[in-house]
Amino acid sequence: MALSLFSRVQTHADRLAVAAPEGVFTYHDLRETSAVAATRLLAGRDDMEEARVGFLVPPGWEWVATQWGIWRAGGVAVPMAVSHPPAELAYVLDDAEPEVVVAHPAMADRVAAAASERGIAVLSTPALLQSGPSGLLPDLTPDRRGMMLYTSGTTGRPKGVVTTHGNIEAQVRSLVEAWGWSKDDHILLTLPLHHVHGIVNVVTCALWSGAVCQVLTKFDAEEVWSRWTRGDVTLYMAVPTLYRRLVEAWERADESTRKRWSVGARHVRLMVSGSAALPVPTLERWEEITGHRLLERYGMTEIGMGLSNPLVGERRPGHVGSPLPGVEVRLMDDGDAPVPDGLSGQIQVRGPGVFSEYWRRREATAEAFTPDGWFRTGDRAVVEDGAYRILGRESVDILKTGGEKVSALEIEDVLRTHPSVVDCAVVGVPDDEWGERVCAAVVAGGDVDTEELRALARERLAPYKVPKDVLVVPDLPRNSMGKVTKPAVRELFE
C-alpha cells in the first residue's frame, strides 16, 4: 500500500517542490532522490521495520530529501535540532537509540563523538543523497510509526513523541482543508525543522498540496520582507517573536522601503502565528503595517494542530478559534468532568492526528490519556462566544497565589498594553505567605517605571493578580522556537 503523501507526488511530476539554498528541485527530483536515499538506508534489507534514524541537517533540500528517504525505507525519522548543544544531541541518541545518524558535513562534528561512543554510525548527506540506483521499497501502512519529535522538556526531561504515518496524514488533511491550501501556493519557511510547526504545518502541507516551499536556512527579517515584495509568496507561518522582529525591521527602515514592504506583504493570502501566545499589541501593530490580521491557532507536539481561527470570518484577539476539521476538543475539570459554560478547564483532544505514544514511556503514555481515549494536553482554556481563549499551561502558566488560580497569560496581556513594554513574562515564585508570588520580567523599549506597571495592573486586574515584583531585563530566555522558557525566568526572582 502506497501512503497518500508519496503517491500524490506522481501527480505533481515536474512542478517545483522546494526552492532552497542548494537550488530548485521538482517533485520528480524529490521522488527519485528519496528513493535512492531509502535504498542506501535499507542496505540490502526489505524494510527498516521502524528503526530510528536521527538526522542533523539544516532546513533546505537535503533536510526534505533525507526525511523522505527515511520514511520510504520504513524507518522512523528523528529530526535533531541544529541549535542544540552536543549534550542535548547526546540525550536524543541515548533515548531514541537510532540505527544511524545522517548529518550535514558542516554539523557532523557536533554529533560524531557522541555517536561514536555509542556505536552509532554517522552518514553524511552527500553520501546519502548522491545519484545512484534505487531498489524495491517497502509498502507502508498508515499505522506504521513515521516520526519522533521531542517535547521542549519544560516540566522534565524531553519525551519522544511518536506519530504514525496515519497521524501525520490526518494532521495535514485537517490543515489543508481549514487553511485552503492548493497547488498554486508558495510558502516561505523560516522556522526550525525539529518541531511540528515547521515540519507538518509548512513543509508537509506544501508537499501534500503540490505547492512550493521556499526555504531560508536562517530567519532574516529584511530577507523575509524582500521575499514578499517579489509577489509570489502566498503563505507565511511564524512564531510571535519573529513577527516582533519583522515589525522592528519595518520600523527601522526608511519611508520608501516601508511602503514597498507593506505592499509586498499584502500579496500574501494568509499569515499564521503559533507555538506561543500572540501579544495583542503585536497583532494590532502587524495589522496596521500589513493589513493582515494574523490567524492564531493552537497545537502541540502530541496533537499537531487542534484549534484555529477561521480562514474566512472573525479572528478575535487573544483567541484561538474552534476545533479544526476532524478534531474533537473539550474542557474538563481535574476529575475529567465537563466544566460549565464560561468556566475554565483543561483542554482535552481526540482525533486521528493525536500521537500514538511517548517513546518507551508506557506509564507516561497511559497517564496522558483518559479511559475513553482523550489526550490531556495540560493546557487550560475558557470558551467565550464559541472561541477558545488559552489561559496557559497548568505546569507553568497557571499560578496559585493566595488560594486563587491565576493565568499568567492574562497578566502579560495587560502589561503589554504599556507603550514601553516590548515583551514580558509572568511567573509564580514559591512564597511562604502566598504559596506563589506573582512576578513579572519585562523587556522595555524605553524608560519603564516598575511602580507604573504595577499601577496599570491594579487598574485592570484583581488585587491578587498584580505582580508583587517587577524586574526589567534586556531580553527573555527562549527556546529554539522563540517561546519563553519560564523556569529560566523564575530563576531571576529566586
Protein backbone atom coordinates (compact mmCIF):
# COMPACT_ATOMS: atom_id res chain seq x y z
CA MET A 1 0.00 0.00 0.00
CA ALA A 2 1.44 3.38 -1.00
CA LEU A 3 0.89 6.14 1.53
CA SER A 4 -1.08 9.07 0.08
CA LEU A 5 1.74 11.56 0.66
CA PHE A 6 4.10 9.58 -1.56
CA SER A 7 1.59 8.56 -4.21
CA ARG A 8 0.48 12.17 -4.67
CA VAL A 9 3.99 13.11 -5.79
CA GLN A 10 3.42 11.34 -9.09
CA THR A 11 0.57 13.72 -9.94
CA HIS A 12 2.79 16.76 -9.37
CA ALA A 13 5.65 15.44 -11.57
CA ASP A 14 7.75 18.34 -12.86
CA ARG A 15 6.19 21.05 -10.70
CA LEU A 16 8.59 22.93 -8.46
CA ALA A 17 8.60 21.49 -4.93
CA VAL A 18 11.48 23.08 -3.00
CA ALA A 19 13.46 26.26 -3.57
CA ALA A 20 16.36 26.30 -1.14
CA PRO A 21 19.96 27.47 -0.79
CA GLU A 22 21.06 24.27 -2.58
CA GLY A 23 18.96 25.12 -5.65
CA VAL A 24 15.46 24.43 -7.01
CA PHE A 25 14.02 20.93 -7.07
CA THR A 26 10.89 19.37 -8.57
CA TYR A 27 8.58 16.72 -7.20
CA HIS A 28 10.23 14.30 -9.63
CA ASP A 29 13.60 15.16 -8.04
CA LEU A 30 12.15 14.52 -4.60
CA ARG A 31 10.73 11.15 -5.61
CA GLU A 32 13.95 10.00 -7.27
CA THR A 33 16.41 11.29 -4.67
CA SER A 34 14.41 9.97 -1.71
CA ALA A 35 14.19 6.55 -3.39
CA VAL A 36 17.99 6.44 -3.73
CA ALA A 37 18.40 7.55 -0.10
CA ALA A 38 15.92 4.91 1.07
CA THR A 39 17.79 2.21 -0.86
CA ARG A 40 21.07 3.19 0.81
CA LEU A 41 19.46 3.17 4.27
CA LEU A 42 17.96 -0.26 3.61
CA ALA A 43 21.42 -1.64 2.76
CA GLY A 44 20.01 -4.76 1.18
CA ARG A 45 17.11 -5.26 3.57
CA ASP A 46 13.47 -5.28 2.53
CA ASP A 47 12.32 -2.93 5.29
CA MET A 48 13.90 -0.87 8.09
CA GLU A 49 10.97 -2.02 10.23
CA GLU A 50 10.69 1.24 12.18
CA ALA A 51 14.35 1.56 13.11
CA ARG A 52 15.04 5.12 14.20
CA VAL A 53 17.21 7.37 12.07
CA GLY A 54 18.41 10.63 13.58
CA PHE A 55 19.28 13.46 11.25
CA LEU A 56 21.09 16.71 11.93
CA VAL A 57 20.55 18.78 8.80
CA PRO A 58 19.75 22.49 8.37
CA PRO A 59 16.46 23.47 6.71
CA GLY A 60 16.65 23.00 2.96
CA TRP A 61 16.50 20.47 0.16
CA GLU A 62 18.79 17.98 1.93
CA TRP A 63 16.57 18.03 5.01
CA VAL A 64 13.44 17.24 2.97
CA ALA A 65 15.09 14.53 0.86
CA THR A 66 16.62 12.91 3.97
CA GLN A 67 13.31 12.79 5.82
CA TRP A 68 11.54 11.30 2.83
CA GLY A 69 14.34 8.77 2.36
CA ILE A 70 13.95 7.61 5.96
CA TRP A 71 10.19 7.36 5.59
CA ARG A 72 10.29 5.47 2.31
CA ALA A 73 12.77 2.97 3.76
CA GLY A 74 10.33 2.17 6.57
CA GLY A 75 12.33 3.99 9.23
CA VAL A 76 11.26 6.43 11.92
CA ALA A 77 12.55 9.94 11.24
CA VAL A 78 14.06 11.67 14.29
CA PRO A 79 14.87 15.29 13.37
CA MET A 80 17.56 16.72 15.64
CA ALA A 81 17.76 20.42 16.49
CA VAL A 82 20.61 22.23 14.75
CA SER A 83 20.51 24.80 17.58
CA HIS A 84 21.08 22.27 20.37
CA PRO A 85 24.46 21.81 22.07
CA PRO A 86 26.22 18.41 21.94
CA ALA A 87 24.88 17.38 25.37
CA GLU A 88 21.27 17.68 24.23
CA LEU A 89 22.02 15.85 20.99
CA ALA A 90 23.60 13.07 23.05
CA TYR A 91 20.41 12.83 25.11
CA VAL A 92 18.41 12.16 21.93
CA LEU A 93 20.90 9.46 20.91
CA ASP A 94 20.53 7.77 24.29
CA ASP A 95 16.76 7.96 24.29
CA ALA A 96 15.94 7.19 20.64
CA GLU A 97 18.81 4.73 20.08
CA PRO A 98 18.94 5.39 16.33
CA GLU A 99 20.44 2.86 13.97
CA VAL A 100 22.31 5.63 12.16
CA VAL A 101 22.62 9.42 12.22
CA VAL A 102 22.58 11.40 8.99
CA ALA A 103 24.47 14.68 9.33
CA HIS A 104 25.23 17.63 7.11
CA PRO A 105 29.04 17.95 6.71
CA ALA A 106 29.04 21.31 8.50
CA MET A 107 27.37 19.73 11.54
CA ALA A 108 28.88 16.27 11.67
CA ASP A 109 31.49 17.25 14.28
CA ARG A 110 28.74 18.22 16.74
CA VAL A 111 27.35 14.71 16.90
CA ALA A 112 30.23 12.48 15.74
CA ALA A 113 31.91 11.96 19.13
CA ALA A 114 28.67 11.13 20.95
CA ALA A 115 27.60 8.79 18.15
CA SER A 116 30.98 7.02 18.14
CA GLU A 117 30.83 6.49 21.91
CA ARG A 118 27.51 4.77 21.44
CA GLY A 119 28.48 2.71 18.43
CA ILE A 120 26.18 4.64 16.08
CA ALA A 121 27.33 5.21 12.51
CA VAL A 122 27.26 8.73 11.07
CA LEU A 123 26.39 9.12 7.39
CA SER A 124 26.89 12.43 5.58
CA THR A 125 24.11 13.91 3.47
CA PRO A 126 26.26 13.94 0.29
CA ALA A 127 26.86 10.21 0.70
CA LEU A 128 23.19 9.52 1.33
CA LEU A 129 21.74 11.69 -1.41
CA GLN A 130 24.24 11.39 -4.27
CA SER A 131 23.00 9.85 -7.52
CA GLY A 132 22.78 6.09 -7.64
CA PRO A 133 20.49 3.12 -8.17
CA SER A 134 17.25 2.67 -6.29
CA GLY A 135 15.65 -0.64 -5.44
CA LEU A 136 12.31 -2.00 -4.35
CA LEU A 137 10.96 -0.10 -1.37
CA PRO A 138 8.66 -1.45 1.34
CA ASP A 139 4.90 -0.95 1.32
CA LEU A 140 3.90 1.19 4.28
CA THR A 141 0.58 1.27 6.09
CA PRO A 142 -0.86 4.25 8.00
CA ASP A 143 -0.41 2.51 11.36
CA ARG A 144 3.37 2.38 10.95
CA ARG A 145 5.47 4.70 13.14
CA GLY A 146 6.86 7.50 10.98
CA MET A 147 8.33 10.26 13.12
CA MET A 148 9.54 11.05 16.61
CA LEU A 149 9.79 14.64 17.82
CA TYR A 150 10.98 15.66 21.26
CA THR A 151 9.00 17.84 23.65
CA SER A 152 10.56 21.03 24.96
CA GLY A 153 11.15 19.48 28.36
CA THR A 154 9.76 22.41 30.38
CA THR A 155 8.41 20.10 33.10
CA GLY A 156 11.01 17.32 32.96
CA ARG A 157 13.34 15.61 30.53
CA PRO A 158 12.18 15.80 26.89
CA LYS A 159 9.98 12.92 25.78
CA GLY A 160 9.96 11.35 22.33
CA VAL A 161 6.51 11.88 20.80
CA VAL A 162 5.81 9.12 18.27
CA THR A 163 3.42 9.78 15.40
CA THR A 164 2.33 7.27 12.80
CA HIS A 165 2.06 7.99 9.10
CA GLY A 166 -1.71 7.98 9.63
CA ASN A 167 -1.40 10.61 12.38
CA ILE A 168 0.70 12.83 10.11
CA GLU A 169 -1.70 12.47 7.19
CA ALA A 170 -4.68 13.34 9.42
CA GLN A 171 -2.92 16.48 10.66
CA VAL A 172 -2.11 17.54 7.11
CA ARG A 173 -5.59 16.86 5.72
CA SER A 174 -7.12 18.94 8.50
CA LEU A 175 -4.90 21.97 7.84
CA VAL A 176 -5.14 21.76 4.05
CA GLU A 177 -8.92 21.89 4.34
CA ALA A 178 -9.06 24.59 7.03
CA TRP A 179 -6.49 26.93 5.51
CA GLY A 180 -7.37 26.44 1.85
CA TRP A 181 -4.08 25.01 0.61
CA SER A 182 -3.71 24.45 -3.15
CA LYS A 183 -1.01 23.59 -5.68
CA ASP A 184 -0.77 27.29 -6.51
CA ASP A 185 0.51 28.18 -3.04
CA HIS A 186 4.08 29.27 -2.29
CA ILE A 187 5.05 29.19 1.37
CA LEU A 188 8.16 30.78 2.87
CA LEU A 189 9.80 28.66 5.57
CA THR A 190 11.78 30.46 8.29
CA LEU A 191 11.05 28.02 11.13
CA PRO A 192 13.38 25.35 12.55
CA LEU A 193 12.67 21.80 11.45
CA HIS A 194 12.58 19.84 14.68
CA HIS A 195 9.07 20.94 15.70
CA VAL A 196 5.65 20.12 14.28
CA HIS A 197 5.11 23.78 13.30
CA GLY A 198 7.73 23.75 10.56
CA ILE A 199 7.64 20.06 9.67
CA VAL A 200 3.88 19.50 9.34
CA ASN A 201 2.22 22.91 9.07
CA VAL A 202 4.70 24.19 6.49
CA VAL A 203 6.76 21.54 4.69
CA THR A 204 4.43 18.54 4.68
CA CYS A 205 1.28 20.55 3.93
CA ALA A 206 3.08 22.17 1.00
CA LEU A 207 4.30 18.87 -0.43
CA TRP A 208 0.90 17.23 0.06
CA SER A 209 -0.72 20.07 -1.89
CA GLY A 210 1.75 20.19 -4.77
CA ALA A 211 2.77 23.67 -3.63
CA VAL A 212 6.21 25.28 -3.48
CA CYS A 213 8.20 25.52 -0.26
CA GLN A 214 10.75 28.34 -0.31
CA VAL A 215 13.36 27.79 2.38
CA LEU A 216 15.50 30.27 4.28
CA THR A 217 18.09 28.39 6.33
CA LYS A 218 18.02 31.12 8.98
CA PHE A 219 15.48 33.80 9.77
CA ASP A 220 16.46 37.23 8.46
CA ALA A 221 13.82 39.93 8.82
CA GLU A 222 14.94 42.05 5.88
CA GLU A 223 15.19 38.99 3.62
CA VAL A 224 11.65 37.94 4.58
CA TRP A 225 10.29 41.38 3.71
CA SER A 226 12.25 41.26 0.44
CA ARG A 227 10.80 37.86 -0.48
CA TRP A 228 7.29 39.20 -0.03
CA THR A 229 7.97 42.06 -2.44
CA ARG A 230 8.51 39.54 -5.25
CA GLY A 231 4.78 38.82 -5.18
CA ASP A 232 4.86 35.02 -5.37
CA VAL A 233 4.68 34.06 -1.67
CA THR A 234 1.08 33.25 -0.66
CA LEU A 235 1.54 31.77 2.83
CA TYR A 236 3.70 32.54 5.84
CA MET A 237 3.75 30.96 9.29
CA ALA A 238 5.87 32.05 12.24
CA VAL A 239 6.05 32.44 15.99
CA PRO A 240 5.22 35.76 17.73
CA THR A 241 8.89 36.55 18.32
CA LEU A 242 9.56 36.54 14.58
CA TYR A 243 6.61 38.83 13.89
CA ARG A 244 8.00 41.21 16.52
CA ARG A 245 11.39 41.18 14.78
CA LEU A 246 9.70 41.88 11.45
CA VAL A 247 7.91 44.85 13.00
CA GLU A 248 11.20 46.15 14.41
CA ALA A 249 12.89 45.83 11.00
CA TRP A 250 10.00 47.70 9.35
CA GLU A 251 10.21 50.49 11.91
CA ARG A 252 13.97 50.87 11.32
CA ALA A 253 13.52 51.16 7.55
CA ASP A 254 13.14 54.41 5.61
CA GLU A 255 9.72 55.53 4.39
CA SER A 256 10.03 54.29 0.81
CA THR A 257 11.23 50.85 1.98
CA ARG A 258 8.37 50.63 4.46
CA LYS A 259 5.85 51.34 1.72
CA ARG A 260 7.37 48.75 -0.61
CA TRP A 261 7.49 46.13 2.13
CA SER A 262 3.89 46.74 3.23
CA VAL A 263 2.64 46.45 -0.34
CA GLY A 264 4.60 43.20 -0.76
CA ALA A 265 3.09 41.72 2.40
CA ARG A 266 -0.41 42.36 1.08
CA HIS A 267 0.26 39.86 -1.74
CA VAL A 268 0.41 37.07 0.87
CA ARG A 269 -3.04 35.50 1.20
CA LEU A 270 -2.60 34.11 4.74
CA MET A 271 -0.27 34.72 7.67
CA VAL A 272 -0.41 32.41 10.70
CA SER A 273 1.01 32.79 14.20
CA GLY A 274 1.51 29.98 16.68
CA SER A 275 3.69 27.98 19.11
CA ALA A 276 3.31 30.74 21.73
CA ALA A 277 0.69 33.28 22.78
CA LEU A 278 0.49 36.22 20.37
CA PRO A 279 0.54 39.52 22.28
CA VAL A 280 -2.43 41.65 21.27
CA PRO A 281 -0.22 44.73 20.68
CA THR A 282 1.82 42.71 18.17
CA LEU A 283 -1.34 41.56 16.40
CA GLU A 284 -2.66 45.11 16.18
CA ARG A 285 0.64 46.60 15.03
CA TRP A 286 1.01 43.91 12.37
CA GLU A 287 -2.44 44.71 11.04
CA GLU A 288 -1.55 48.41 10.86
CA ILE A 289 1.62 47.68 8.90
CA THR A 290 0.43 44.94 6.53
CA GLY A 291 -3.36 44.89 6.56
CA HIS A 292 -3.20 41.29 7.80
CA ARG A 293 -4.97 40.12 10.93
CA LEU A 294 -2.79 37.19 11.91
CA LEU A 295 -4.56 33.84 12.16
CA GLU A 296 -3.84 32.34 15.57
CA ARG A 297 -4.08 28.62 16.15
CA TYR A 298 -3.37 26.19 18.98
CA GLY A 299 -1.42 22.98 18.80
CA MET A 300 1.34 20.95 20.38
CA THR A 301 3.78 18.20 19.52
CA GLU A 302 1.39 15.47 20.64
CA ILE A 303 -1.66 16.54 18.61
CA GLY A 304 -0.43 18.65 15.73
CA MET A 305 -2.97 21.46 15.46
CA GLY A 306 -6.22 21.32 17.41
CA LEU A 307 -7.84 24.77 17.29
CA SER A 308 -7.75 27.55 14.73
CA ASN A 309 -9.30 30.89 13.97
CA PRO A 310 -11.17 30.80 10.65
CA LEU A 311 -9.64 31.37 7.24
CA VAL A 312 -12.71 33.46 6.45
CA GLY A 313 -14.52 35.15 9.31
CA GLU A 314 -13.80 36.93 12.56
CA ARG A 315 -10.41 36.40 14.19
CA ARG A 316 -10.69 37.61 17.75
CA PRO A 317 -7.57 38.92 19.51
CA GLY A 318 -6.39 36.63 22.27
CA HIS A 319 -8.47 33.70 21.00
CA VAL A 320 -7.51 30.61 19.00
CA GLY A 321 -10.86 29.84 17.44
CA SER A 322 -12.61 26.49 17.30
CA PRO A 323 -11.71 22.83 16.61
CA LEU A 324 -10.15 22.06 13.25
CA PRO A 325 -11.74 19.53 10.86
CA GLY A 326 -11.56 16.02 12.26
CA VAL A 327 -10.55 17.21 15.74
CA GLU A 328 -12.66 16.94 18.90
CA VAL A 329 -11.94 19.28 21.80
CA ARG A 330 -13.50 19.52 25.25
CA LEU A 331 -12.81 21.33 28.55
CA MET A 332 -12.74 19.22 31.71
CA ASP A 333 -12.06 19.75 35.40
CA ASP A 334 -9.38 17.95 37.41
CA GLY A 335 -11.67 14.93 37.76
CA ASP A 336 -12.30 14.66 33.99
CA ALA A 337 -15.84 16.02 34.32
CA PRO A 338 -17.16 18.68 31.91
CA VAL A 339 -16.90 22.27 33.13
CA PRO A 340 -19.93 24.57 32.92
CA ASP A 341 -20.04 27.15 30.15
CA GLY A 342 -17.93 30.20 30.87
CA LEU A 343 -15.58 28.46 33.29
CA SER A 344 -12.03 27.37 32.62
CA GLY A 345 -10.95 23.79 32.22
CA GLN A 346 -8.18 21.59 30.93
CA ILE A 347 -8.14 21.14 27.16
CA GLN A 348 -8.58 17.53 26.10
CA VAL A 349 -8.29 16.44 22.48
CA ARG A 350 -9.31 13.38 20.50
CA GLY A 351 -8.88 12.60 16.80
CA PRO A 352 -6.85 10.69 14.21
CA GLY A 353 -3.99 13.20 14.38
CA VAL A 354 -3.24 12.57 18.07
CA PHE A 355 0.10 10.84 18.67
CA SER A 356 0.39 7.14 19.40
CA GLU A 357 2.82 7.03 22.33
CA TYR A 358 5.67 8.55 24.28
CA TRP A 359 8.71 6.56 23.24
CA ARG A 360 9.42 3.81 25.79
CA ARG A 361 7.35 5.59 28.43
CA ARG A 362 4.36 3.34 28.90
CA GLU A 363 3.24 4.88 32.19
CA ALA A 364 3.52 8.45 30.91
CA THR A 365 1.52 7.48 27.82
CA ALA A 366 -1.21 5.87 29.92
CA GLU A 367 -1.40 8.89 32.24
CA ALA A 368 -1.70 11.27 29.28
CA PHE A 369 -4.99 9.73 28.10
CA THR A 370 -8.38 9.43 29.76
CA PRO A 371 -10.03 5.99 29.90
CA ASP A 372 -12.21 6.99 26.92
CA GLY A 373 -9.23 7.98 24.77
CA TRP A 374 -8.95 11.76 25.13
CA PHE A 375 -5.47 13.28 25.38
CA ARG A 376 -4.89 15.51 28.41
CA THR A 377 -2.98 18.47 27.00
CA GLY A 378 -2.09 20.09 30.32
CA ASP A 379 -3.29 23.45 28.96
CA ARG A 380 -6.21 25.42 30.37
CA ALA A 381 -8.69 27.49 28.40
CA VAL A 382 -12.13 29.05 28.50
CA VAL A 383 -14.71 29.22 25.71
CA GLU A 384 -16.11 32.70 25.04
CA ASP A 385 -18.82 33.07 22.40
CA GLY A 386 -17.72 29.87 20.73
CA ALA A 387 -13.99 30.71 20.59
CA TYR A 388 -11.32 29.23 22.85
CA ARG A 389 -9.05 31.53 24.83
CA ILE A 390 -5.89 29.85 26.15
CA LEU A 391 -5.13 30.61 29.80
CA GLY A 392 -1.81 28.80 29.80
CA ARG A 393 -0.02 25.62 30.66
CA GLU A 394 -1.07 24.24 34.01
CA SER A 395 2.52 23.47 34.97
CA VAL A 396 4.00 26.92 34.21
CA ASP A 397 1.28 29.45 33.30
CA ILE A 398 -1.40 28.72 35.90
CA LEU A 399 -0.26 30.20 39.20
CA LYS A 400 -1.76 29.54 42.62
CA THR A 401 -1.49 32.63 44.79
CA GLY A 402 -3.43 33.34 47.96
CA GLY A 403 -5.74 30.40 47.25
CA GLU A 404 -6.64 31.70 43.78
CA LYS A 405 -5.74 30.26 40.36
CA VAL A 406 -4.29 32.93 38.10
CA SER A 407 -3.46 32.88 34.39
CA ALA A 408 0.00 34.33 33.77
CA LEU A 409 -1.00 34.99 30.15
CA GLU A 410 -3.83 37.29 31.28
CA ILE A 411 -1.43 39.42 33.33
CA GLU A 412 1.09 39.50 30.49
CA ASP A 413 -1.56 40.80 28.10
CA VAL A 414 -2.29 43.71 30.46
CA LEU A 415 1.37 44.63 30.95
CA ARG A 416 1.97 44.60 27.19
CA THR A 417 -0.56 47.38 26.76
CA HIS A 418 2.01 49.76 28.25
CA PRO A 419 3.63 51.61 25.31
CA SER A 420 7.18 50.97 26.55
CA VAL A 421 6.78 47.23 27.17
CA VAL A 422 8.22 45.22 24.29
CA ASP A 423 7.60 41.83 25.90
CA CYS A 424 7.14 40.28 29.32
CA ALA A 425 6.80 37.01 31.18
CA VAL A 426 4.88 36.39 34.39
CA VAL A 427 5.83 33.51 36.68
CA GLY A 428 4.98 32.21 40.12
CA VAL A 429 7.82 32.08 42.66
CA PRO A 430 7.46 29.99 45.86
CA ASP A 431 6.37 32.16 48.77
CA ASP A 432 5.59 31.25 52.38
CA GLU A 433 2.69 33.72 52.62
CA TRP A 434 1.11 33.48 49.17
CA GLY A 435 2.02 29.96 48.09
CA GLU A 436 3.27 31.52 44.87
CA ARG A 437 4.28 35.15 44.48
CA VAL A 438 3.30 36.73 41.15
CA CYS A 439 6.42 38.16 39.47
CA ALA A 440 6.94 39.83 36.09
CA ALA A 441 10.09 40.12 33.97
CA VAL A 442 9.73 42.95 31.46
CA VAL A 443 11.66 43.82 28.29
CA ALA A 444 11.43 47.58 27.77
CA GLY A 445 11.72 49.64 24.61
CA GLY A 446 12.15 52.84 26.63
CA ASP A 447 12.07 54.09 30.19
CA VAL A 448 9.77 52.00 32.35
CA ASP A 449 8.78 52.76 35.92
CA THR A 450 8.03 49.45 37.62
CA GLU A 451 5.55 51.06 40.00
CA GLU A 452 3.73 52.48 36.99
CA LEU A 453 3.41 48.95 35.61
CA ARG A 454 2.02 47.69 38.89
CA ALA A 455 -0.45 50.60 38.91
CA LEU A 456 -1.55 49.62 35.40
CA ALA A 457 -2.13 46.07 36.61
CA ARG A 458 -4.16 47.32 39.60
CA GLU A 459 -6.44 49.26 37.24
CA ARG A 460 -7.22 46.21 35.10
CA LEU A 461 -6.83 43.18 37.36
CA ALA A 462 -7.98 41.78 40.67
CA PRO A 463 -5.56 42.60 43.54
CA TYR A 464 -4.16 39.07 43.83
CA LYS A 465 -3.15 39.19 40.13
CA VAL A 466 -0.99 42.29 40.46
CA PRO A 467 2.75 41.40 40.22
CA LYS A 468 4.47 41.80 43.57
CA ASP A 469 7.89 42.01 41.92
CA VAL A 470 8.68 43.58 38.53
CA LEU A 471 12.14 43.21 37.01
CA VAL A 472 13.31 44.95 33.82
CA VAL A 473 15.60 42.66 31.78
CA PRO A 474 17.45 43.04 28.45
CA ASP A 475 15.65 40.03 26.97
CA LEU A 476 13.76 36.91 28.00
CA PRO A 477 15.24 33.39 27.85
CA ARG A 478 13.72 31.48 24.92
CA ASN A 479 13.87 28.08 23.28
CA SER A 480 14.61 27.45 19.61
CA MET A 481 11.03 28.28 18.63
CA GLY A 482 11.23 31.67 20.30
CA LYS A 483 8.97 30.59 23.15
CA VAL A 484 9.87 31.95 26.57
CA THR A 485 11.29 29.33 28.94
CA LYS A 486 9.57 30.21 32.18
CA PRO A 487 11.66 28.04 34.52
CA ALA A 488 14.63 30.20 33.48
CA VAL A 489 12.57 33.36 34.10
CA ARG A 490 11.62 32.09 37.54
CA GLU A 491 15.29 31.74 38.43
CA LEU A 492 15.68 35.52 38.02
CA PHE A 493 13.49 36.03 41.09
CA GLU A 494 14.65 33.17 43.30
